Amino acid sequence: ALPISPALTGLAEEFISSARIDNLASCFIGLDSFLDSKPAGSKLFVAFDHEEVGSRSHVGAQSAFLANTLARLCPAPEDRMRAIAQSILVSADNAHGIHPNYADRMDPQHAPRINSGPVIKSNNNQSYATNARTGAFLSECFSQAKVPAQRFVVRTDLACGSTVGPIVAAQLGVDTVDVGIPQWAMHSCRETMGAEDAFALSRALGVFYSTIAGREA
């Protein structure tokens, strides 16, 4: 059978529907904004494999790949630790958007809406690595990019998913913020996200890469 082709859907073509939106969307947006950002400063774009099966592989977030790469880029341990201490990691992974048929599955105050902006995700059990400082920093990037940002905290009586953010944050000791585009039908053969949200996240990450470069991270 032929793979399902991505398509613009909705009455005003306001949705993008495709397989594997989670998380090829973030990979494309992250790389695109990275390549378009200012060349000054030290910054990285990293895409890991095997996130959906736990990240425990030789190329997953639990591998030594990123730590080894940083060691080769910055061989002096003291300089490398100082660079990490001045850095912020953005972990980009799609978020669950509120579905009109299942609105009761979300807290009314934390129910991301499609085409209302990317979502900054927080969790006190550290399933997401966002803290007050990193969340505020990324919020300022959204503000400078003039795009909306939403906040998400999972309902306390439900289990919370996770991302590569807490894994890399724990391994490197780097300040981290989790963000993602809201979508419907995650992990289905026809996932759906908002067309406007993709452009919004790209603009916000463009500001982030330009701003973090100024910190010489």
N, C-alpha and C. Protein backbone atom coordinates (compact mmCIF):
# COMPACT_ATOMS: atom_id res chain seq x y z
N ALA A 1 0.84 -1.19 0.00
CA ALA A 1 0.00 0.00 0.00
C ALA A 1 0.88 1.25 0.00
N LEU A 2 0.43 2.28 -0.69
CA LEU A 2 1.18 3.51 -0.74
C LEU A 2 1.04 4.26 0.58
N PRO A 3 2.08 4.96 1.03
CA PRO A 3 1.97 5.74 2.27
C PRO A 3 0.97 6.88 2.10
N ILE A 4 0.37 7.29 3.22
CA ILE A 4 -0.58 8.40 3.18
C ILE A 4 0.19 9.70 3.00
N SER A 5 -0.18 10.46 1.98
CA SER A 5 0.53 11.71 1.71
C SER A 5 0.02 12.81 2.63
N PRO A 6 0.91 13.69 3.08
CA PRO A 6 0.47 14.84 3.88
C PRO A 6 -0.49 15.70 3.07
N ALA A 7 -1.43 16.36 3.77
CA ALA A 7 -2.41 17.19 3.07
C ALA A 7 -2.88 18.30 3.97
N LEU A 8 -3.22 19.45 3.35
CA LEU A 8 -3.90 20.51 4.05
C LEU A 8 -5.38 20.16 4.11
N THR A 9 -5.98 20.21 5.30
CA THR A 9 -7.38 19.86 5.46
C THR A 9 -8.10 20.98 6.21
N GLY A 10 -9.42 20.84 6.36
CA GLY A 10 -10.22 21.86 7.02
C GLY A 10 -10.89 22.76 6.00
N LEU A 11 -11.91 23.46 6.43
CA LEU A 11 -12.67 24.33 5.51
C LEU A 11 -11.80 25.43 4.93
N ALA A 12 -10.83 25.89 5.73
CA ALA A 12 -9.93 26.96 5.26
C ALA A 12 -8.49 26.44 5.14
N GLU A 13 -8.34 25.12 5.01
CA GLU A 13 -7.02 24.48 4.95
C GLU A 13 -6.16 24.91 6.14
N GLU A 14 -6.79 24.94 7.31
CA GLU A 14 -6.11 25.38 8.52
C GLU A 14 -5.39 24.26 9.25
N PHE A 15 -5.55 23.02 8.79
CA PHE A 15 -4.92 21.87 9.42
C PHE A 15 -3.94 21.20 8.47
N ILE A 16 -2.94 20.56 9.04
CA ILE A 16 -2.03 19.68 8.30
C ILE A 16 -2.25 18.27 8.83
N SER A 17 -2.57 17.35 7.95
CA SER A 17 -2.81 15.96 8.34
C SER A 17 -1.80 15.05 7.66
N SER A 18 -1.22 14.16 8.44
CA SER A 18 -0.19 13.27 7.90
C SER A 18 0.15 12.21 8.94
N ALA A 19 0.79 11.16 8.50
CA ALA A 19 1.42 10.22 9.43
C ALA A 19 2.73 10.82 9.94
N ARG A 20 3.11 10.46 11.16
CA ARG A 20 4.41 10.79 11.74
C ARG A 20 4.66 12.29 11.92
N ILE A 21 3.58 13.07 12.06
CA ILE A 21 3.76 14.48 12.43
C ILE A 21 4.54 14.58 13.73
N ASP A 22 4.19 13.70 14.67
CA ASP A 22 4.96 13.56 15.91
C ASP A 22 6.07 12.52 15.64
N ASN A 23 7.37 12.89 15.41
CA ASN A 23 7.81 14.22 15.73
C ASN A 23 8.65 14.78 14.57
N LEU A 24 8.28 14.38 13.35
CA LEU A 24 9.00 14.92 12.20
C LEU A 24 8.76 16.42 12.05
N ALA A 25 7.60 16.89 12.54
CA ALA A 25 7.31 18.33 12.44
C ALA A 25 8.35 19.14 13.21
N SER A 26 8.63 18.72 14.45
CA SER A 26 9.62 19.46 15.25
C SER A 26 11.01 19.37 14.65
N CYS A 27 11.34 18.21 14.08
CA CYS A 27 12.67 18.06 13.46
C CYS A 27 12.83 19.03 12.29
N PHE A 28 11.81 19.10 11.45
CA PHE A 28 11.89 20.01 10.30
C PHE A 28 11.92 21.46 10.75
N ILE A 29 11.02 21.82 11.65
CA ILE A 29 10.95 23.21 12.11
C ILE A 29 12.23 23.62 12.82
N GLY A 30 12.76 22.72 13.68
CA GLY A 30 13.99 23.03 14.40
C GLY A 30 15.17 23.23 13.46
N LEU A 31 15.31 22.34 12.49
CA LEU A 31 16.42 22.46 11.55
C LEU A 31 16.27 23.69 10.67
N ASP A 32 15.05 23.96 10.22
CA ASP A 32 14.81 25.11 9.36
C ASP A 32 15.15 26.42 10.09
N SER A 33 14.69 26.55 11.34
CA SER A 33 14.97 27.78 12.09
C SER A 33 16.45 27.88 12.46
N PHE A 34 17.09 26.74 12.67
CA PHE A 34 18.53 26.72 12.97
C PHE A 34 19.32 27.24 11.76
N LEU A 35 19.00 26.75 10.58
CA LEU A 35 19.72 27.15 9.37
C LEU A 35 19.47 28.62 9.02
N ASP A 36 18.29 29.13 9.37
CA ASP A 36 17.96 30.52 9.05
C ASP A 36 18.44 31.51 10.11
N SER A 37 18.95 31.03 11.24
CA SER A 37 19.34 31.92 12.32
C SER A 37 20.69 32.58 12.03
N LYS A 38 21.01 33.58 12.82
CA LYS A 38 22.27 34.30 12.64
C LYS A 38 23.46 33.37 12.88
N PRO A 39 24.54 33.52 12.11
CA PRO A 39 25.67 32.59 12.23
C PRO A 39 26.52 32.80 13.48
N ALA A 40 26.37 33.92 14.19
CA ALA A 40 27.24 34.20 15.34
C ALA A 40 26.89 33.30 16.52
N GLY A 41 27.87 33.07 17.40
CA GLY A 41 27.62 32.31 18.62
C GLY A 41 27.76 30.82 18.41
N SER A 42 27.65 30.09 19.51
CA SER A 42 27.76 28.63 19.49
C SER A 42 26.39 28.03 19.76
N LYS A 43 25.92 27.21 18.85
CA LYS A 43 24.59 26.60 18.99
C LYS A 43 24.56 25.28 18.24
N LEU A 44 23.67 24.42 18.67
CA LEU A 44 23.55 23.09 18.08
C LEU A 44 22.11 22.78 17.77
N PHE A 45 21.89 21.98 16.75
CA PHE A 45 20.61 21.34 16.50
C PHE A 45 20.85 19.84 16.59
N VAL A 46 20.09 19.14 17.41
CA VAL A 46 20.28 17.69 17.62
C VAL A 46 18.95 16.99 17.39
N ALA A 47 18.95 15.95 16.58
CA ALA A 47 17.76 15.12 16.35
C ALA A 47 18.10 13.68 16.74
N PHE A 48 17.39 13.17 17.74
CA PHE A 48 17.63 11.81 18.21
C PHE A 48 16.64 10.83 17.58
N ASP A 49 17.08 9.59 17.45
CA ASP A 49 16.19 8.51 17.01
C ASP A 49 15.65 7.78 18.24
N HIS A 50 14.63 6.96 18.03
CA HIS A 50 14.10 6.01 19.02
C HIS A 50 13.44 6.66 20.23
N GLU A 51 12.97 7.90 20.10
CA GLU A 51 12.32 8.55 21.24
C GLU A 51 11.04 7.82 21.64
N GLU A 52 10.31 7.31 20.65
CA GLU A 52 9.02 6.69 20.94
C GLU A 52 9.15 5.32 21.60
N VAL A 53 10.34 4.76 21.64
CA VAL A 53 10.53 3.46 22.29
C VAL A 53 11.47 3.57 23.48
N GLY A 54 11.63 4.75 24.01
CA GLY A 54 12.37 4.91 25.25
C GLY A 54 13.73 5.56 25.16
N SER A 55 14.23 5.80 23.94
CA SER A 55 15.50 6.53 23.73
C SER A 55 16.74 5.75 24.17
N ARG A 56 16.58 4.48 24.54
CA ARG A 56 17.73 3.70 25.01
C ARG A 56 18.32 2.91 23.84
N SER A 57 19.21 3.57 23.11
CA SER A 57 19.89 2.93 21.97
C SER A 57 21.20 3.67 21.74
N HIS A 58 21.98 3.21 20.79
CA HIS A 58 23.28 3.85 20.56
C HIS A 58 23.15 5.21 19.89
N VAL A 59 21.93 5.54 19.39
CA VAL A 59 21.71 6.85 18.77
C VAL A 59 20.55 7.59 19.44
N GLY A 60 20.03 7.07 20.53
CA GLY A 60 18.93 7.72 21.23
C GLY A 60 19.42 8.75 22.23
N ALA A 61 18.47 9.40 22.89
CA ALA A 61 18.83 10.45 23.84
C ALA A 61 19.56 9.90 25.06
N GLN A 62 19.39 8.61 25.36
CA GLN A 62 20.10 8.01 26.49
C GLN A 62 21.50 7.52 26.12
N SER A 63 21.90 7.71 24.87
CA SER A 63 23.23 7.29 24.45
C SER A 63 24.26 8.35 24.81
N ALA A 64 25.52 8.04 24.52
CA ALA A 64 26.62 8.98 24.76
C ALA A 64 26.85 9.92 23.59
N PHE A 65 25.97 9.86 22.58
CA PHE A 65 26.22 10.60 21.34
C PHE A 65 26.42 12.10 21.58
N LEU A 66 25.47 12.74 22.27
CA LEU A 66 25.57 14.19 22.45
C LEU A 66 26.74 14.56 23.34
N ALA A 67 26.92 13.84 24.45
CA ALA A 67 28.04 14.14 25.34
C ALA A 67 29.37 13.97 24.63
N ASN A 68 29.51 12.93 23.81
CA ASN A 68 30.75 12.71 23.07
C ASN A 68 30.96 13.80 22.02
N THR A 69 29.89 14.22 21.38
CA THR A 69 29.99 15.28 20.38
C THR A 69 30.45 16.59 21.02
N LEU A 70 29.88 16.92 22.18
CA LEU A 70 30.28 18.13 22.88
C LEU A 70 31.74 18.05 23.33
N ALA A 71 32.18 16.87 23.73
CA ALA A 71 33.56 16.70 24.16
C ALA A 71 34.53 16.90 22.99
N ARG A 72 34.12 16.50 21.80
CA ARG A 72 34.98 16.69 20.63
C ARG A 72 34.99 18.15 20.19
N LEU A 73 33.84 18.82 20.32
CA LEU A 73 33.76 20.23 19.94
C LEU A 73 34.49 21.13 20.93
N CYS A 74 34.46 20.72 22.21
CA CYS A 74 35.07 21.53 23.27
C CYS A 74 35.86 20.59 24.19
N PRO A 75 37.08 20.23 23.82
CA PRO A 75 37.84 19.20 24.54
C PRO A 75 38.18 19.56 25.99
N ALA A 76 38.37 20.83 26.31
CA ALA A 76 38.76 21.22 27.67
C ALA A 76 37.56 21.07 28.60
N PRO A 77 37.63 20.18 29.60
CA PRO A 77 36.47 19.93 30.48
C PRO A 77 35.93 21.18 31.16
N GLU A 78 36.81 22.05 31.64
CA GLU A 78 36.34 23.25 32.34
C GLU A 78 35.58 24.17 31.40
N ASP A 79 36.11 24.35 30.19
CA ASP A 79 35.43 25.20 29.20
C ASP A 79 34.08 24.59 28.81
N ARG A 80 34.07 23.27 28.67
CA ARG A 80 32.83 22.60 28.28
C ARG A 80 31.77 22.74 29.37
N MET A 81 32.14 22.56 30.62
CA MET A 81 31.18 22.70 31.71
C MET A 81 30.66 24.12 31.82
N ARG A 82 31.54 25.10 31.59
CA ARG A 82 31.09 26.49 31.63
C ARG A 82 30.11 26.78 30.49
N ALA A 83 30.39 26.22 29.32
CA ALA A 83 29.50 26.42 28.18
C ALA A 83 28.12 25.81 28.45
N ILE A 84 28.10 24.60 29.01
CA ILE A 84 26.83 23.95 29.33
C ILE A 84 26.06 24.74 30.38
N ALA A 85 26.76 25.27 31.36
CA ALA A 85 26.12 26.05 32.43
C ALA A 85 25.47 27.32 31.89
N GLN A 86 25.97 27.84 30.77
CA GLN A 86 25.42 29.06 30.17
C GLN A 86 24.38 28.76 29.08
N SER A 87 24.13 27.49 28.85
CA SER A 87 23.26 27.09 27.74
C SER A 87 21.83 26.84 28.19
N ILE A 88 20.93 26.85 27.24
CA ILE A 88 19.55 26.41 27.41
C ILE A 88 19.21 25.45 26.28
N LEU A 89 18.62 24.34 26.63
CA LEU A 89 18.19 23.35 25.65
C LEU A 89 16.68 23.46 25.45
N VAL A 90 16.25 23.53 24.20
CA VAL A 90 14.83 23.47 23.88
C VAL A 90 14.53 22.06 23.39
N SER A 91 13.72 21.35 24.15
CA SER A 91 13.26 20.01 23.75
C SER A 91 11.93 20.18 23.04
N ALA A 92 11.92 19.97 21.72
CA ALA A 92 10.72 20.19 20.92
C ALA A 92 10.06 18.86 20.60
N ASP A 93 8.85 18.66 21.09
CA ASP A 93 8.10 17.41 20.89
C ASP A 93 6.62 17.75 20.95
N ASN A 94 5.86 17.27 20.00
CA ASN A 94 4.46 17.67 19.90
C ASN A 94 3.67 17.41 21.17
N ALA A 95 2.63 18.21 21.36
CA ALA A 95 1.78 18.13 22.55
C ALA A 95 0.38 17.69 22.14
N HIS A 96 -0.36 17.14 23.11
CA HIS A 96 -1.74 16.76 22.86
C HIS A 96 -2.62 18.01 22.89
N GLY A 97 -3.32 18.28 21.79
CA GLY A 97 -4.28 19.37 21.77
C GLY A 97 -5.64 18.89 22.25
N ILE A 98 -6.42 19.80 22.80
CA ILE A 98 -7.75 19.42 23.26
C ILE A 98 -8.61 18.98 22.08
N HIS A 99 -9.25 17.83 22.22
CA HIS A 99 -10.10 17.28 21.16
C HIS A 99 -11.56 17.53 21.54
N PRO A 100 -12.36 18.06 20.63
CA PRO A 100 -13.75 18.36 20.99
C PRO A 100 -14.55 17.15 21.47
N ASN A 101 -14.16 15.95 21.06
CA ASN A 101 -14.88 14.75 21.50
C ASN A 101 -14.37 14.23 22.84
N TYR A 102 -13.23 14.72 23.31
CA TYR A 102 -12.64 14.22 24.55
C TYR A 102 -12.15 15.39 25.43
N ALA A 103 -12.92 16.45 25.47
CA ALA A 103 -12.51 17.64 26.22
C ALA A 103 -12.37 17.36 27.70
N ASP A 104 -13.07 16.33 28.20
CA ASP A 104 -13.02 16.03 29.64
C ASP A 104 -11.70 15.42 30.06
N ARG A 105 -10.84 15.08 29.12
CA ARG A 105 -9.55 14.47 29.46
C ARG A 105 -8.51 15.50 29.84
N MET A 106 -8.84 16.76 29.78
CA MET A 106 -7.88 17.81 30.09
C MET A 106 -8.43 18.77 31.13
N ASP A 107 -7.53 19.36 31.90
CA ASP A 107 -7.89 20.42 32.82
C ASP A 107 -8.32 21.63 31.99
N PRO A 108 -9.47 22.23 32.30
CA PRO A 108 -9.94 23.37 31.48
C PRO A 108 -8.95 24.52 31.41
N GLN A 109 -8.10 24.68 32.43
CA GLN A 109 -7.12 25.78 32.43
C GLN A 109 -5.84 25.41 31.67
N HIS A 110 -5.71 24.15 31.29
CA HIS A 110 -4.50 23.69 30.60
C HIS A 110 -4.91 22.78 29.45
N ALA A 111 -5.60 23.36 28.49
CA ALA A 111 -6.13 22.60 27.36
C ALA A 111 -5.68 23.26 26.06
N PRO A 112 -4.52 22.86 25.52
CA PRO A 112 -3.99 23.52 24.32
C PRO A 112 -4.94 23.40 23.12
N ARG A 113 -5.11 24.50 22.44
CA ARG A 113 -5.98 24.54 21.27
C ARG A 113 -5.13 24.64 20.00
N ILE A 114 -5.53 23.90 19.01
CA ILE A 114 -4.82 23.90 17.73
C ILE A 114 -4.96 25.28 17.07
N ASN A 115 -3.86 25.72 16.48
CA ASN A 115 -3.75 27.04 15.83
C ASN A 115 -3.87 28.20 16.81
N SER A 116 -3.54 27.93 18.08
CA SER A 116 -3.49 29.00 19.08
C SER A 116 -2.09 29.17 19.64
N GLY A 117 -1.10 28.60 18.97
CA GLY A 117 0.28 28.76 19.37
C GLY A 117 0.90 27.49 19.94
N PRO A 118 2.22 27.37 19.87
CA PRO A 118 2.92 26.22 20.46
C PRO A 118 2.73 26.19 21.98
N VAL A 119 3.04 25.04 22.57
CA VAL A 119 2.74 24.79 23.97
C VAL A 119 4.02 24.61 24.78
N ILE A 120 4.18 25.40 25.85
CA ILE A 120 5.27 25.19 26.81
C ILE A 120 4.75 24.24 27.87
N LYS A 121 5.44 23.10 28.05
CA LYS A 121 4.93 22.00 28.87
C LYS A 121 5.70 21.92 30.19
N SER A 122 4.96 21.74 31.29
CA SER A 122 5.55 21.65 32.63
C SER A 122 4.99 20.44 33.36
N ASN A 123 5.80 19.85 34.25
CA ASN A 123 5.36 18.72 35.06
C ASN A 123 6.22 18.64 36.31
N ASN A 124 5.58 18.66 37.48
CA ASN A 124 6.33 18.65 38.75
C ASN A 124 7.07 17.34 38.98
N ASN A 125 6.63 16.26 38.33
CA ASN A 125 7.33 14.98 38.45
C ASN A 125 8.48 14.84 37.46
N GLN A 126 8.77 15.91 36.75
CA GLN A 126 9.91 16.00 35.83
C GLN A 126 9.76 15.14 34.57
N SER A 127 8.51 14.84 34.20
CA SER A 127 8.30 14.22 32.89
C SER A 127 8.61 15.22 31.78
N TYR A 128 8.46 16.51 32.10
CA TYR A 128 8.96 17.59 31.26
C TYR A 128 9.99 18.37 32.07
N ALA A 129 11.00 18.91 31.40
CA ALA A 129 12.14 19.51 32.10
C ALA A 129 12.03 21.01 32.28
N THR A 130 10.92 21.61 31.88
CA THR A 130 10.75 23.06 32.01
C THR A 130 10.84 23.50 33.47
N ASN A 131 11.57 24.57 33.72
CA ASN A 131 11.54 25.19 35.04
C ASN A 131 11.14 26.66 34.87
N ALA A 132 11.06 27.39 35.97
CA ALA A 132 10.59 28.77 35.91
C ALA A 132 11.47 29.63 35.00
N ARG A 133 12.79 29.45 35.10
CA ARG A 133 13.71 30.29 34.34
C ARG A 133 13.66 29.98 32.85
N THR A 134 13.69 28.69 32.50
CA THR A 134 13.69 28.34 31.08
C THR A 134 12.34 28.63 30.45
N GLY A 135 11.26 28.41 31.21
CA GLY A 135 9.94 28.72 30.68
C GLY A 135 9.79 30.21 30.41
N ALA A 136 10.31 31.04 31.32
CA ALA A 136 10.25 32.49 31.13
C ALA A 136 11.11 32.93 29.95
N PHE A 137 12.28 32.30 29.81
CA PHE A 137 13.17 32.65 28.71
C PHE A 137 12.51 32.37 27.36
N LEU A 138 11.91 31.18 27.23
CA LEU A 138 11.26 30.85 25.96
C LEU A 138 10.02 31.69 25.74
N SER A 139 9.30 32.01 26.81
CA SER A 139 8.13 32.90 26.68
C SER A 139 8.54 34.25 26.12
N GLU A 140 9.70 34.75 26.54
CA GLU A 140 10.20 36.01 26.02
C GLU A 140 10.55 35.88 24.53
N CYS A 141 11.06 34.73 24.13
CA CYS A 141 11.34 34.50 22.70
C CYS A 141 10.04 34.54 21.90
N PHE A 142 8.98 33.93 22.44
CA PHE A 142 7.68 33.99 21.78
C PHE A 142 7.20 35.44 21.67
N SER A 143 7.38 36.17 22.74
CA SER A 143 6.93 37.56 22.74
C SER A 143 7.68 38.38 21.70
N GLN A 144 9.00 38.19 21.62
CA GLN A 144 9.79 38.93 20.63
C GLN A 144 9.41 38.52 19.20
N ALA A 145 9.04 37.25 19.02
CA ALA A 145 8.64 36.78 17.70
C ALA A 145 7.21 37.17 17.35
N LYS A 146 6.49 37.72 18.35
CA LYS A 146 5.10 38.16 18.17
C LYS A 146 4.20 36.99 17.77
N VAL A 147 4.39 35.87 18.46
CA VAL A 147 3.53 34.70 18.26
C VAL A 147 2.97 34.28 19.61
N PRO A 148 1.77 33.70 19.64
CA PRO A 148 1.17 33.27 20.91
C PRO A 148 1.83 32.01 21.44
N ALA A 149 1.80 31.86 22.75
CA ALA A 149 2.30 30.65 23.40
C ALA A 149 1.24 30.15 24.37
N GLN A 150 1.09 28.84 24.46
CA GLN A 150 0.17 28.23 25.40
C GLN A 150 0.95 27.49 26.48
N ARG A 151 0.31 27.23 27.59
CA ARG A 151 0.92 26.48 28.69
C ARG A 151 0.13 25.20 28.92
N PHE A 152 0.85 24.13 29.26
CA PHE A 152 0.17 22.85 29.49
C PHE A 152 0.72 22.16 30.73
N VAL A 153 -0.19 21.74 31.59
CA VAL A 153 0.11 20.87 32.72
C VAL A 153 -0.91 19.74 32.67
N VAL A 154 -0.47 18.49 32.70
CA VAL A 154 -1.39 17.37 32.59
C VAL A 154 -2.29 17.29 33.82
N ARG A 155 -3.49 16.79 33.65
CA ARG A 155 -4.39 16.60 34.78
C ARG A 155 -3.73 15.71 35.82
N THR A 156 -3.83 16.08 37.10
CA THR A 156 -3.07 15.39 38.14
C THR A 156 -3.50 13.95 38.35
N ASP A 157 -4.70 13.57 37.90
CA ASP A 157 -5.14 12.19 38.08
C ASP A 157 -4.88 11.33 36.85
N LEU A 158 -4.13 11.86 35.90
CA LEU A 158 -3.79 11.11 34.69
C LEU A 158 -2.28 10.99 34.54
N ALA A 159 -1.87 9.93 33.86
CA ALA A 159 -0.43 9.74 33.61
C ALA A 159 0.06 10.78 32.60
N CYS A 160 1.34 11.12 32.71
CA CYS A 160 1.94 12.12 31.83
C CYS A 160 2.98 11.47 30.93
N GLY A 161 2.97 11.82 29.66
CA GLY A 161 4.02 11.36 28.77
C GLY A 161 5.31 12.10 29.05
N SER A 162 6.34 11.82 28.28
CA SER A 162 7.62 12.48 28.50
C SER A 162 8.31 12.71 27.16
N THR A 163 9.49 13.30 27.23
CA THR A 163 10.24 13.67 26.04
C THR A 163 11.73 13.37 26.27
N VAL A 164 12.55 13.73 25.31
CA VAL A 164 14.00 13.59 25.49
C VAL A 164 14.54 14.68 26.41
N GLY A 165 13.73 15.71 26.68
CA GLY A 165 14.18 16.83 27.50
C GLY A 165 14.73 16.42 28.85
N PRO A 166 13.96 15.70 29.70
CA PRO A 166 14.47 15.31 31.00
C PRO A 166 15.69 14.38 30.92
N ILE A 167 15.75 13.57 29.87
CA ILE A 167 16.88 12.64 29.72
C ILE A 167 18.18 13.42 29.49
N VAL A 168 18.16 14.33 28.53
CA VAL A 168 19.36 15.10 28.20
C VAL A 168 19.70 16.06 29.34
N ALA A 169 18.67 16.66 29.95
CA ALA A 169 18.91 17.57 31.07
C ALA A 169 19.64 16.88 32.20
N ALA A 170 19.24 15.64 32.52
CA ALA A 170 19.87 14.89 33.60
C ALA A 170 21.28 14.46 33.24
N GLN A 171 21.50 14.10 31.98
CA GLN A 171 22.83 13.63 31.58
C GLN A 171 23.84 14.76 31.54
N LEU A 172 23.43 15.92 31.03
CA LEU A 172 24.38 17.02 30.83
C LEU A 172 24.33 18.06 31.94
N GLY A 173 23.23 18.12 32.68
CA GLY A 173 23.07 19.19 33.65
C GLY A 173 22.78 20.52 32.99
N VAL A 174 22.04 20.49 31.89
CA VAL A 174 21.75 21.70 31.14
C VAL A 174 20.32 22.15 31.41
N ASP A 175 20.12 23.45 31.59
CA ASP A 175 18.78 23.99 31.75
C ASP A 175 17.95 23.70 30.50
N THR A 176 16.71 23.24 30.69
CA THR A 176 15.91 22.74 29.57
C THR A 176 14.48 23.23 29.66
N VAL A 177 13.87 23.45 28.50
CA VAL A 177 12.46 23.78 28.42
C VAL A 177 11.82 22.86 27.38
N ASP A 178 10.64 22.35 27.70
CA ASP A 178 9.90 21.48 26.77
C ASP A 178 8.81 22.29 26.08
N VAL A 179 8.74 22.15 24.76
CA VAL A 179 7.75 22.88 23.98
C VAL A 179 7.28 21.97 22.84
N GLY A 180 6.08 22.20 22.35
CA GLY A 180 5.61 21.39 21.24
C GLY A 180 4.37 21.98 20.59
N ILE A 181 4.10 21.54 19.38
CA ILE A 181 2.92 21.95 18.64
C ILE A 181 1.75 21.06 19.09
N PRO A 182 0.59 21.64 19.40
CA PRO A 182 -0.56 20.80 19.76
C PRO A 182 -1.09 20.05 18.54
N GLN A 183 -1.51 18.83 18.77
CA GLN A 183 -2.03 18.03 17.66
C GLN A 183 -3.10 17.08 18.16
N TRP A 184 -3.87 16.55 17.20
CA TRP A 184 -4.86 15.51 17.49
C TRP A 184 -4.33 14.16 17.01
N ALA A 185 -4.88 13.10 17.60
CA ALA A 185 -4.66 11.72 17.14
C ALA A 185 -3.18 11.35 17.10
N MET A 186 -2.44 11.70 18.16
CA MET A 186 -1.01 11.39 18.21
C MET A 186 -0.78 9.89 18.07
N HIS A 187 0.18 9.55 17.23
CA HIS A 187 0.62 8.17 16.96
C HIS A 187 -0.37 7.40 16.09
N SER A 188 -1.35 8.06 15.52
CA SER A 188 -2.26 7.39 14.60
C SER A 188 -1.71 7.49 13.18
N CYS A 189 -2.39 6.86 12.23
CA CYS A 189 -1.93 6.91 10.83
C CYS A 189 -2.27 8.25 10.18
N ARG A 190 -3.11 9.06 10.83
CA ARG A 190 -3.45 10.37 10.26
C ARG A 190 -3.50 11.38 11.41
N GLU A 191 -2.32 11.85 11.79
CA GLU A 191 -2.24 12.87 12.83
C GLU A 191 -2.60 14.23 12.24
N THR A 192 -3.03 15.15 13.09
CA THR A 192 -3.47 16.46 12.62
C THR A 192 -2.93 17.56 13.51
N MET A 193 -2.37 18.60 12.90
CA MET A 193 -1.91 19.76 13.65
C MET A 193 -2.32 21.02 12.90
N GLY A 194 -2.17 22.18 13.53
CA GLY A 194 -2.54 23.44 12.91
C GLY A 194 -1.44 23.98 12.01
N ALA A 195 -1.82 24.45 10.85
CA ALA A 195 -0.83 25.01 9.92
C ALA A 195 -0.19 26.26 10.50
N GLU A 196 -0.94 27.08 11.24
CA GLU A 196 -0.38 28.31 11.80
C GLU A 196 0.64 28.01 12.90
N ASP A 197 0.43 26.92 13.65
CA ASP A 197 1.33 26.62 14.77
C ASP A 197 2.74 26.28 14.30
N ALA A 198 2.84 25.65 13.13
CA ALA A 198 4.17 25.31 12.60
C ALA A 198 4.98 26.57 12.33
N PHE A 199 4.37 27.57 11.70
CA PHE A 199 5.07 28.82 11.42
C PHE A 199 5.39 29.57 12.71
N ALA A 200 4.48 29.50 13.68
CA ALA A 200 4.70 30.20 14.95
C ALA A 200 5.91 29.64 15.68
N LEU A 201 6.02 28.31 15.75
CA LEU A 201 7.16 27.70 16.43
C LEU A 201 8.45 28.01 15.69
N SER A 202 8.42 28.01 14.37
CA SER A 202 9.62 28.33 13.60
C SER A 202 10.11 29.74 13.91
N ARG A 203 9.20 30.70 13.98
CA ARG A 203 9.60 32.08 14.27
C ARG A 203 10.15 32.20 15.70
N ALA A 204 9.51 31.52 16.64
CA ALA A 204 9.97 31.59 18.03
C ALA A 204 11.34 30.96 18.19
N LEU A 205 11.58 29.82 17.53
CA LEU A 205 12.89 29.19 17.62
C LEU A 205 13.95 30.01 16.91
N GLY A 206 13.56 30.72 15.86
CA GLY A 206 14.51 31.62 15.21
C GLY A 206 15.00 32.70 16.16
N VAL A 207 14.08 33.25 16.95
CA VAL A 207 14.47 34.24 17.96
C VAL A 207 15.33 33.57 19.03
N PHE A 208 14.96 32.36 19.44
CA PHE A 208 15.74 31.65 20.45
C PHE A 208 17.18 31.45 19.98
N TYR A 209 17.38 30.94 18.79
CA TYR A 209 18.74 30.70 18.30
C TYR A 209 19.53 32.00 18.21
N SER A 210 18.89 33.07 17.81
CA SER A 210 19.59 34.35 17.72
C SER A 210 19.91 34.91 19.10
N THR A 211 19.00 34.70 20.06
CA THR A 211 19.20 35.22 21.42
C THR A 211 20.23 34.42 22.17
N ILE A 212 20.14 33.10 22.09
CA ILE A 212 21.07 32.25 22.84
C ILE A 212 22.49 32.41 22.31
N ALA A 213 22.60 32.76 21.03
CA ALA A 213 23.94 33.01 20.48
C ALA A 213 24.61 34.19 21.16
N GLY A 214 23.80 35.18 21.53
CA GLY A 214 24.34 36.33 22.22
C GLY A 214 24.85 36.03 23.63
N ARG A 215 24.40 34.88 24.19
CA ARG A 215 24.87 34.48 25.51
C ARG A 215 26.19 33.72 25.44
N GLU A 216 26.67 33.45 24.19
CA GLU A 216 27.89 32.68 23.96
C GLU A 216 27.80 31.34 24.68
N ALA A 217 26.62 30.68 24.49
CA ALA A 217 26.40 29.38 25.14
C ALA A 217 27.07 28.28 24.35
